[in-house]
Each structure stands twice: as C-alpha cells, then as structure tokens.
Amino acid sequence: LAFLSACQTSSGEETLSDEAVHLAAWMLAAGYRRVVATMWSIGDEPAQEVAKDFYEYLWRQKEDNGDCTFDGTLSAYAMHHAVQRLRLRLDNTERSLLTWIPYVHFGY
C-alpha cells in the first residue's frame, strides 16, 4: 500500500496524453498492489484529515478482526470512508467539491 499525500500524484503529462504515466502508475508498476493518489492540488489541512481518517479506518478494522498485522486490502473502503468524512465537514460549494474530489485509489 502506498499513500501518496502530495499534489498531482495521479495526473499524467499533457504531452503524453495516450500514456498513463504518473507517479501512482509507477508505484503500481514497481509492485505496490494499492495506491492512493490525487489528481490535482490538495490543501494541507484536508490532506491531513483524509490521511488520518484513512489510517484510522484501516487500523480499526484490523483491531476489530483481532489481527496483529497491518493489512491494506480494505484500502479502497478506507479511502471511501475518509473522503466521506471530509465531505461531511465541508459545505456544498464548488470549492468544497474541489477539496474532496481529487483523491483516487488504484489497485485492488
């Protein structure tokens, strides 16, 4: 599992429009099974909130199952959970939409 909490980690190069060349794709090519990335710029505070909620979800699931090892297989669910929590903290403006929508999950 790779969590890329930086701006534009899943946006490709304009000159290579037919290629899926971005940092998240390279992480998958390097062997990561799951990658969380962003399509454009993100704010510092929302990025912290999403990361915190994401990892809290994963650790809570681990503890609920009585498991003692970290398992990223629920990372897509964790990403959904974290983005939903961020959405609930925001209003319904276009600016809010641009705050939560750039987060994406690749892999299985």
N, C-alpha and C. Protein backbone atom coordinates (compact mmCIF):
# COMPACT_ATOMS: atom_id res chain seq x y z
N LEU A 1 0.85 -1.18 0.00
CA LEU A 1 0.00 0.00 0.00
C LEU A 1 0.88 1.23 0.00
N ALA A 2 0.63 2.12 -0.95
CA ALA A 2 1.33 3.41 -0.98
C ALA A 2 0.28 4.51 -0.89
N PHE A 3 0.48 5.41 0.05
CA PHE A 3 -0.42 6.57 0.21
C PHE A 3 0.40 7.80 -0.17
N LEU A 4 0.13 8.33 -1.35
CA LEU A 4 0.88 9.48 -1.86
C LEU A 4 0.12 10.75 -1.51
N SER A 5 0.48 11.35 -0.41
CA SER A 5 -0.21 12.54 0.07
C SER A 5 0.51 13.78 -0.42
N ALA A 6 0.46 13.97 -1.71
CA ALA A 6 1.07 15.13 -2.35
C ALA A 6 0.20 15.52 -3.54
N CYS A 7 0.46 16.67 -4.08
CA CYS A 7 -0.35 17.17 -5.18
C CYS A 7 -0.03 16.47 -6.50
N GLN A 8 -1.07 16.16 -7.25
CA GLN A 8 -0.99 15.68 -8.62
C GLN A 8 -0.18 14.38 -8.78
N THR A 9 -0.30 13.47 -7.84
CA THR A 9 0.45 12.21 -7.93
C THR A 9 -0.21 11.22 -8.88
N SER A 10 -1.41 11.54 -9.37
CA SER A 10 -2.04 10.66 -10.37
C SER A 10 -2.40 11.41 -11.64
N SER A 11 -1.75 12.54 -11.85
CA SER A 11 -2.00 13.26 -13.09
C SER A 11 -0.84 13.02 -14.04
N GLY A 12 -1.18 12.76 -15.28
CA GLY A 12 -0.17 12.45 -16.28
C GLY A 12 0.39 13.70 -16.93
N GLU A 13 1.27 13.48 -17.86
CA GLU A 13 1.91 14.56 -18.62
C GLU A 13 1.05 14.90 -19.83
N GLU A 14 0.80 16.18 -20.04
CA GLU A 14 -0.04 16.60 -21.17
C GLU A 14 0.53 16.17 -22.51
N THR A 15 1.85 16.15 -22.64
CA THR A 15 2.47 15.79 -23.91
C THR A 15 2.40 14.29 -24.18
N LEU A 16 2.03 13.51 -23.16
CA LEU A 16 1.89 12.06 -23.30
C LEU A 16 0.44 11.67 -23.00
N SER A 17 -0.49 12.28 -23.71
CA SER A 17 -1.91 12.11 -23.39
C SER A 17 -2.40 10.67 -23.56
N ASP A 18 -1.73 9.87 -24.38
CA ASP A 18 -2.15 8.48 -24.56
C ASP A 18 -1.52 7.54 -23.54
N GLU A 19 -0.70 8.06 -22.70
CA GLU A 19 0.01 7.24 -21.73
C GLU A 19 -0.51 7.50 -20.31
N ALA A 20 -0.51 6.48 -19.51
CA ALA A 20 -0.89 6.62 -18.10
C ALA A 20 0.40 6.71 -17.28
N VAL A 21 1.17 7.75 -17.54
CA VAL A 21 2.47 7.92 -16.89
C VAL A 21 2.32 8.94 -15.78
N HIS A 22 2.24 8.47 -14.56
CA HIS A 22 2.21 9.33 -13.40
C HIS A 22 2.78 8.54 -12.23
N LEU A 23 3.02 9.22 -11.14
CA LEU A 23 3.68 8.59 -10.00
C LEU A 23 2.90 7.38 -9.48
N ALA A 24 1.58 7.50 -9.41
CA ALA A 24 0.77 6.37 -8.92
C ALA A 24 0.93 5.15 -9.83
N ALA A 25 0.95 5.37 -11.14
CA ALA A 25 1.13 4.25 -12.08
C ALA A 25 2.51 3.62 -11.91
N TRP A 26 3.50 4.44 -11.67
CA TRP A 26 4.85 3.89 -11.45
C TRP A 26 4.90 3.08 -10.16
N MET A 27 4.18 3.50 -9.15
CA MET A 27 4.15 2.74 -7.90
C MET A 27 3.51 1.37 -8.14
N LEU A 28 2.45 1.33 -8.94
CA LEU A 28 1.83 0.05 -9.29
C LEU A 28 2.80 -0.81 -10.10
N ALA A 29 3.50 -0.19 -11.03
CA ALA A 29 4.47 -0.92 -11.85
C ALA A 29 5.63 -1.44 -11.00
N ALA A 30 5.95 -0.73 -9.93
CA ALA A 30 7.04 -1.15 -9.05
C ALA A 30 6.63 -2.30 -8.13
N GLY A 31 5.34 -2.63 -8.10
CA GLY A 31 4.91 -3.77 -7.32
C GLY A 31 3.91 -3.49 -6.21
N TYR A 32 3.60 -2.23 -5.98
CA TYR A 32 2.57 -1.94 -4.98
C TYR A 32 1.23 -2.42 -5.51
N ARG A 33 0.44 -3.03 -4.66
CA ARG A 33 -0.87 -3.54 -5.09
C ARG A 33 -1.96 -2.49 -5.02
N ARG A 34 -1.78 -1.51 -4.14
CA ARG A 34 -2.77 -0.47 -3.93
C ARG A 34 -2.06 0.87 -3.77
N VAL A 35 -2.61 1.89 -4.42
CA VAL A 35 -2.01 3.23 -4.34
C VAL A 35 -3.12 4.26 -4.19
N VAL A 36 -2.99 5.14 -3.22
CA VAL A 36 -3.88 6.28 -3.05
C VAL A 36 -3.11 7.49 -3.56
N ALA A 37 -3.75 8.29 -4.40
CA ALA A 37 -3.08 9.44 -5.00
C ALA A 37 -4.09 10.57 -5.20
N THR A 38 -3.62 11.67 -5.75
CA THR A 38 -4.50 12.81 -6.02
C THR A 38 -4.35 13.24 -7.47
N MET A 39 -5.45 13.75 -8.03
CA MET A 39 -5.45 14.16 -9.43
C MET A 39 -4.99 15.60 -9.63
N TRP A 40 -5.09 16.43 -8.60
CA TRP A 40 -4.61 17.81 -8.69
C TRP A 40 -4.23 18.29 -7.30
N SER A 41 -3.98 19.58 -7.17
CA SER A 41 -3.51 20.14 -5.90
C SER A 41 -4.51 19.91 -4.78
N ILE A 42 -3.96 19.68 -3.60
CA ILE A 42 -4.77 19.47 -2.40
C ILE A 42 -4.28 20.41 -1.31
N GLY A 43 -5.17 20.75 -0.41
CA GLY A 43 -4.80 21.61 0.70
C GLY A 43 -4.14 20.81 1.82
N ASP A 44 -3.31 21.47 2.60
CA ASP A 44 -2.59 20.79 3.67
C ASP A 44 -3.53 20.21 4.73
N GLU A 45 -4.48 21.01 5.18
CA GLU A 45 -5.39 20.55 6.25
C GLU A 45 -6.29 19.40 5.79
N PRO A 46 -6.95 19.53 4.64
CA PRO A 46 -7.76 18.39 4.18
C PRO A 46 -6.91 17.14 3.94
N ALA A 47 -5.69 17.30 3.45
CA ALA A 47 -4.82 16.15 3.22
C ALA A 47 -4.51 15.43 4.53
N GLN A 48 -4.27 16.19 5.57
CA GLN A 48 -4.02 15.58 6.89
C GLN A 48 -5.25 14.85 7.40
N GLU A 49 -6.42 15.46 7.24
CA GLU A 49 -7.65 14.85 7.71
C GLU A 49 -7.94 13.54 6.97
N VAL A 50 -7.75 13.56 5.65
CA VAL A 50 -8.00 12.36 4.86
C VAL A 50 -7.03 11.25 5.26
N ALA A 51 -5.76 11.56 5.39
CA ALA A 51 -4.77 10.55 5.78
C ALA A 51 -5.08 9.99 7.16
N LYS A 52 -5.42 10.85 8.09
CA LYS A 52 -5.74 10.40 9.46
C LYS A 52 -6.94 9.47 9.45
N ASP A 53 -8.02 9.88 8.78
CA ASP A 53 -9.23 9.05 8.73
C ASP A 53 -8.98 7.75 7.97
N PHE A 54 -8.19 7.80 6.93
CA PHE A 54 -7.84 6.62 6.14
C PHE A 54 -7.15 5.57 7.02
N TYR A 55 -6.09 5.99 7.70
CA TYR A 55 -5.34 5.03 8.51
C TYR A 55 -6.09 4.60 9.76
N GLU A 56 -6.88 5.49 10.35
CA GLU A 56 -7.70 5.09 11.49
C GLU A 56 -8.68 3.99 11.09
N TYR A 57 -9.26 4.12 9.92
CA TYR A 57 -10.20 3.09 9.43
C TYR A 57 -9.48 1.75 9.29
N LEU A 58 -8.33 1.77 8.64
CA LEU A 58 -7.59 0.51 8.45
C LEU A 58 -7.19 -0.13 9.77
N TRP A 59 -6.68 0.66 10.70
CA TRP A 59 -6.26 0.10 11.99
C TRP A 59 -7.45 -0.39 12.80
N ARG A 60 -8.57 0.34 12.71
CA ARG A 60 -9.77 -0.09 13.44
C ARG A 60 -10.28 -1.42 12.91
N GLN A 61 -10.26 -1.59 11.60
CA GLN A 61 -10.69 -2.86 11.00
C GLN A 61 -9.77 -3.99 11.45
N LYS A 62 -8.50 -3.72 11.51
CA LYS A 62 -7.52 -4.71 11.94
C LYS A 62 -7.81 -5.14 13.38
N GLU A 63 -8.03 -4.16 14.25
CA GLU A 63 -8.30 -4.47 15.65
C GLU A 63 -9.62 -5.21 15.83
N ASP A 64 -10.64 -4.80 15.06
CA ASP A 64 -11.94 -5.46 15.15
C ASP A 64 -11.87 -6.92 14.75
N ASN A 65 -10.96 -7.24 13.83
CA ASN A 65 -10.80 -8.62 13.37
C ASN A 65 -9.82 -9.43 14.23
N GLY A 66 -9.24 -8.79 15.23
CA GLY A 66 -8.30 -9.47 16.10
C GLY A 66 -6.98 -9.80 15.41
N ASP A 67 -6.70 -9.12 14.33
CA ASP A 67 -5.48 -9.36 13.56
C ASP A 67 -4.34 -8.57 14.18
N CYS A 68 -3.13 -9.08 14.07
CA CYS A 68 -2.00 -8.37 14.65
C CYS A 68 -1.02 -7.87 13.58
N THR A 69 -1.40 -7.96 12.32
CA THR A 69 -0.56 -7.44 11.24
C THR A 69 -1.35 -6.44 10.42
N PHE A 70 -0.64 -5.47 9.85
CA PHE A 70 -1.30 -4.46 9.02
C PHE A 70 -1.70 -5.09 7.70
N ASP A 71 -2.92 -4.82 7.25
CA ASP A 71 -3.44 -5.38 6.01
C ASP A 71 -4.11 -4.26 5.22
N GLY A 72 -3.60 -3.99 4.02
CA GLY A 72 -4.15 -2.91 3.22
C GLY A 72 -5.25 -3.32 2.27
N THR A 73 -5.78 -4.54 2.41
CA THR A 73 -6.80 -5.00 1.46
C THR A 73 -8.09 -4.19 1.53
N LEU A 74 -8.30 -3.50 2.62
CA LEU A 74 -9.50 -2.65 2.74
C LEU A 74 -9.22 -1.19 2.42
N SER A 75 -8.14 -0.94 1.71
CA SER A 75 -7.73 0.44 1.45
C SER A 75 -8.75 1.22 0.61
N ALA A 76 -9.43 0.57 -0.32
CA ALA A 76 -10.45 1.27 -1.11
C ALA A 76 -11.62 1.70 -0.21
N TYR A 77 -12.00 0.82 0.72
CA TYR A 77 -13.04 1.17 1.68
C TYR A 77 -12.58 2.30 2.60
N ALA A 78 -11.32 2.23 3.01
CA ALA A 78 -10.76 3.27 3.87
C ALA A 78 -10.74 4.61 3.15
N MET A 79 -10.41 4.60 1.87
CA MET A 79 -10.39 5.84 1.09
C MET A 79 -11.79 6.41 0.97
N HIS A 80 -12.76 5.55 0.69
CA HIS A 80 -14.15 6.00 0.62
C HIS A 80 -14.59 6.60 1.95
N HIS A 81 -14.29 5.93 3.03
CA HIS A 81 -14.64 6.41 4.37
C HIS A 81 -14.01 7.79 4.64
N ALA A 82 -12.73 7.93 4.35
CA ALA A 82 -12.02 9.18 4.63
C ALA A 82 -12.58 10.34 3.80
N VAL A 83 -12.87 10.08 2.54
CA VAL A 83 -13.42 11.13 1.68
C VAL A 83 -14.84 11.49 2.12
N GLN A 84 -15.62 10.52 2.51
CA GLN A 84 -16.97 10.81 3.01
C GLN A 84 -16.93 11.67 4.26
N ARG A 85 -16.00 11.38 5.16
CA ARG A 85 -15.86 12.19 6.38
C ARG A 85 -15.46 13.62 6.02
N LEU A 86 -14.56 13.77 5.05
CA LEU A 86 -14.17 15.11 4.62
C LEU A 86 -15.37 15.84 4.03
N ARG A 87 -16.15 15.17 3.20
CA ARG A 87 -17.33 15.78 2.59
C ARG A 87 -18.31 16.27 3.65
N LEU A 88 -18.48 15.51 4.72
CA LEU A 88 -19.40 15.91 5.78
C LEU A 88 -18.93 17.16 6.52
N ARG A 89 -17.63 17.39 6.53
CA ARG A 89 -17.09 18.58 7.20
C ARG A 89 -17.17 19.83 6.33
N LEU A 90 -17.46 19.65 5.05
CA LEU A 90 -17.49 20.76 4.11
C LEU A 90 -18.92 21.14 3.76
N ASP A 91 -19.07 22.29 3.11
CA ASP A 91 -20.40 22.69 2.63
C ASP A 91 -20.58 22.20 1.19
N ASN A 92 -21.61 22.65 0.53
CA ASN A 92 -21.93 22.18 -0.82
C ASN A 92 -21.47 23.14 -1.92
N THR A 93 -20.42 23.89 -1.68
CA THR A 93 -19.93 24.82 -2.68
C THR A 93 -19.01 24.12 -3.68
N GLU A 94 -18.74 24.81 -4.79
CA GLU A 94 -17.82 24.27 -5.79
C GLU A 94 -16.41 24.13 -5.21
N ARG A 95 -16.03 25.05 -4.36
CA ARG A 95 -14.71 24.98 -3.71
C ARG A 95 -14.59 23.71 -2.87
N SER A 96 -15.65 23.36 -2.17
CA SER A 96 -15.65 22.13 -1.38
C SER A 96 -15.53 20.90 -2.26
N LEU A 97 -16.22 20.93 -3.39
CA LEU A 97 -16.12 19.83 -4.34
C LEU A 97 -14.67 19.63 -4.77
N LEU A 98 -13.98 20.71 -5.06
CA LEU A 98 -12.58 20.63 -5.49
C LEU A 98 -11.64 20.20 -4.36
N THR A 99 -12.14 20.23 -3.13
CA THR A 99 -11.33 19.81 -1.99
C THR A 99 -11.33 18.30 -1.83
N TRP A 100 -12.47 17.65 -2.01
CA TRP A 100 -12.53 16.20 -1.75
C TRP A 100 -12.42 15.34 -2.99
N ILE A 101 -12.72 15.86 -4.16
CA ILE A 101 -12.80 15.03 -5.35
C ILE A 101 -11.45 14.57 -5.92
N PRO A 102 -10.32 15.20 -5.64
CA PRO A 102 -9.08 14.76 -6.29
C PRO A 102 -8.51 13.43 -5.79
N TYR A 103 -9.03 12.88 -4.72
CA TYR A 103 -8.48 11.64 -4.15
C TYR A 103 -8.94 10.43 -4.95
N VAL A 104 -7.99 9.57 -5.33
CA VAL A 104 -8.29 8.37 -6.10
C VAL A 104 -7.55 7.17 -5.51
N HIS A 105 -8.09 6.00 -5.76
CA HIS A 105 -7.50 4.75 -5.31
C HIS A 105 -7.25 3.87 -6.53
N PHE A 106 -6.05 3.36 -6.67
CA PHE A 106 -5.70 2.44 -7.76
C PHE A 106 -5.38 1.08 -7.16
N GLY A 107 -5.67 0.05 -7.88
CA GLY A 107 -5.33 -1.30 -7.43
C GLY A 107 -6.56 -2.08 -7.04
N TYR A 108 -6.34 -3.12 -6.26
CA TYR A 108 -7.43 -4.00 -5.87
C TYR A 108 -7.46 -4.22 -4.39
